[in-house]
Protein backbone atom coordinates (compact mmCIF):
# COMPACT_ATOMS: atom_id res chain seq x y z
CA MET A 1 125.51 124.71 148.30
CA GLU A 2 122.45 122.55 147.88
CA THR A 3 119.26 123.19 149.78
CA HIS A 4 116.42 120.73 149.69
CA PHE A 5 112.94 121.64 150.86
CA GLU A 6 110.83 118.51 151.20
CA ALA A 7 107.83 120.57 152.27
CA LEU A 8 107.64 122.18 148.84
CA GLU A 9 107.39 118.77 147.20
CA HIS A 10 104.34 117.97 149.30
CA SER A 11 102.43 121.13 148.36
CA GLN A 12 100.48 119.29 145.67
CA SER A 13 99.52 116.54 148.09
CA GLU A 14 98.40 119.18 150.58
CA LEU A 15 96.23 120.79 147.92
CA ALA A 16 94.74 117.39 147.07
CA ARG A 17 94.15 116.77 150.77
CA GLU A 18 92.34 120.11 151.12
CA ARG A 19 90.17 119.35 148.10
CA MET A 20 89.34 115.92 149.46
CA THR A 21 88.39 117.43 152.82
CA GLU A 22 86.09 119.93 151.15
CA ASP A 23 84.55 117.17 149.03
CA LEU A 24 83.95 115.04 152.13
CA LYS A 25 82.28 117.96 153.89
CA ALA A 26 80.03 118.60 150.87
CA LEU A 27 79.16 114.91 150.71
CA ALA A 28 78.29 114.92 154.40
CA ARG A 29 76.00 117.95 153.97
CA ASP A 30 74.25 116.36 150.99
CA ALA A 31 73.84 113.03 152.77
CA GLU A 32 72.35 114.73 155.83
CA GLU A 33 69.87 116.58 153.61
CA LEU A 34 68.94 113.32 151.92
CA LEU A 35 68.40 111.63 155.27
CA LYS A 36 66.15 114.48 156.40
CA SER A 37 64.14 114.49 153.17
CA THR A 38 63.46 110.73 153.32
CA ALA A 39 62.53 110.71 157.00
CA GLY A 40 58.82 110.28 156.20
CA ASP A 41 59.28 107.24 153.95
CA VAL A 42 58.68 104.07 155.96
CA SER A 43 59.35 101.32 153.41
CA GLU A 44 61.77 98.57 154.40
CA LYS A 45 64.12 99.30 151.48
CA THR A 46 64.29 103.01 152.42
CA LYS A 47 65.05 102.16 156.04
CA GLU A 48 67.90 99.89 154.98
CA VAL A 49 69.36 102.47 152.61
CA ARG A 50 69.02 105.20 155.24
CA SER A 51 70.88 103.12 157.83
CA ARG A 52 73.69 102.35 155.37
CA LEU A 53 73.88 106.02 154.36
CA ALA A 54 74.01 107.10 158.01
CA ALA A 55 76.88 104.67 158.68
CA ALA A 56 78.75 105.85 155.59
CA LEU A 57 78.20 109.45 156.65
CA GLU A 58 79.72 108.81 160.06
CA ARG A 59 82.75 107.11 158.47
CA ALA A 60 83.17 110.06 156.08
CA LYS A 61 83.06 112.53 158.94
CA ALA A 62 85.66 110.53 160.86
CA SER A 63 87.89 110.38 157.77
CA CYS A 64 87.57 114.13 157.32
CA VAL A 65 88.65 114.79 160.89
CA GLU A 66 91.58 112.40 160.50
CA VAL A 67 92.74 114.07 157.26
CA GLU A 68 92.55 117.53 158.86
CA GLN A 69 94.61 116.34 161.83
CA ARG A 70 97.25 114.79 159.56
CA ALA A 71 97.44 118.01 157.54
CA LEU A 72 98.04 119.97 160.73
CA VAL A 73 100.82 117.61 161.79
CA THR A 74 102.37 117.82 158.32
CA ALA A 75 102.31 121.63 158.43
CA ARG A 76 104.04 121.60 161.81
CA GLU A 77 106.71 119.22 160.51
CA ALA A 78 107.27 121.45 157.47
CA ALA A 79 107.69 124.49 159.72
CA ARG A 80 110.23 122.60 161.86
CA LYS A 81 112.18 121.53 158.77
CA ALA A 82 112.19 125.09 157.42
CA ASP A 83 113.43 126.33 160.79
CA THR A 84 116.21 123.73 160.76
CA VAL A 85 117.32 124.70 157.25
CA ILE A 86 117.27 128.41 158.09
CA ARG A 87 119.31 127.83 161.24
CA ALA A 88 121.79 125.67 159.33
CA HIS A 89 122.18 128.24 156.52
CA PRO A 90 121.43 131.69 157.98
CA TYR A 91 123.33 133.80 155.44
CA GLU A 92 121.93 131.91 152.47
CA SER A 93 118.43 132.30 153.91
CA ILE A 94 118.91 136.04 154.32
CA GLY A 95 120.18 136.26 150.74
CA VAL A 96 117.22 134.32 149.38
CA ALA A 97 114.77 136.46 151.38
CA PHE A 98 116.48 139.63 150.14
CA GLY A 99 116.36 138.40 146.52
CA VAL A 100 112.68 137.45 146.74
CA GLY A 101 111.86 140.79 148.37
CA LEU A 102 113.78 142.66 145.69
CA LEU A 103 112.01 140.73 142.93
CA ILE A 104 108.59 141.42 144.46
CA GLY A 105 109.50 145.09 144.87
CA VAL A 106 110.53 145.39 141.22
CA LEU A 107 107.39 143.63 140.03
CA VAL A 108 105.09 145.74 142.20
CA SER A 109 106.71 149.03 141.18
CA ARG A 110 106.30 148.28 137.46
CA LYS A 111 103.31 149.76 135.74
């Protein structure tokens, strides 16, 4: 019997996606603070940089939303695939769940 879980292979990409989302959110917060702090500066160069930063900030926010939506879709697909595998191999799934539960029980009961 061979069981293949594609969702497990994508766990690293999901972690990278989560990190990227958090980084984008931090960047957005920092950029908004920078825009607020330079609001009083009226030089032409500052106005140009502020407008470019505001545009980049909006693109970053849109990218963050898109990444979060894709992650949600990926999680749903992984759940469907797991459900399909469990329905295709019910006894093997019960055996694996029993084995994992037994292993966790032994590890928890050790001192």
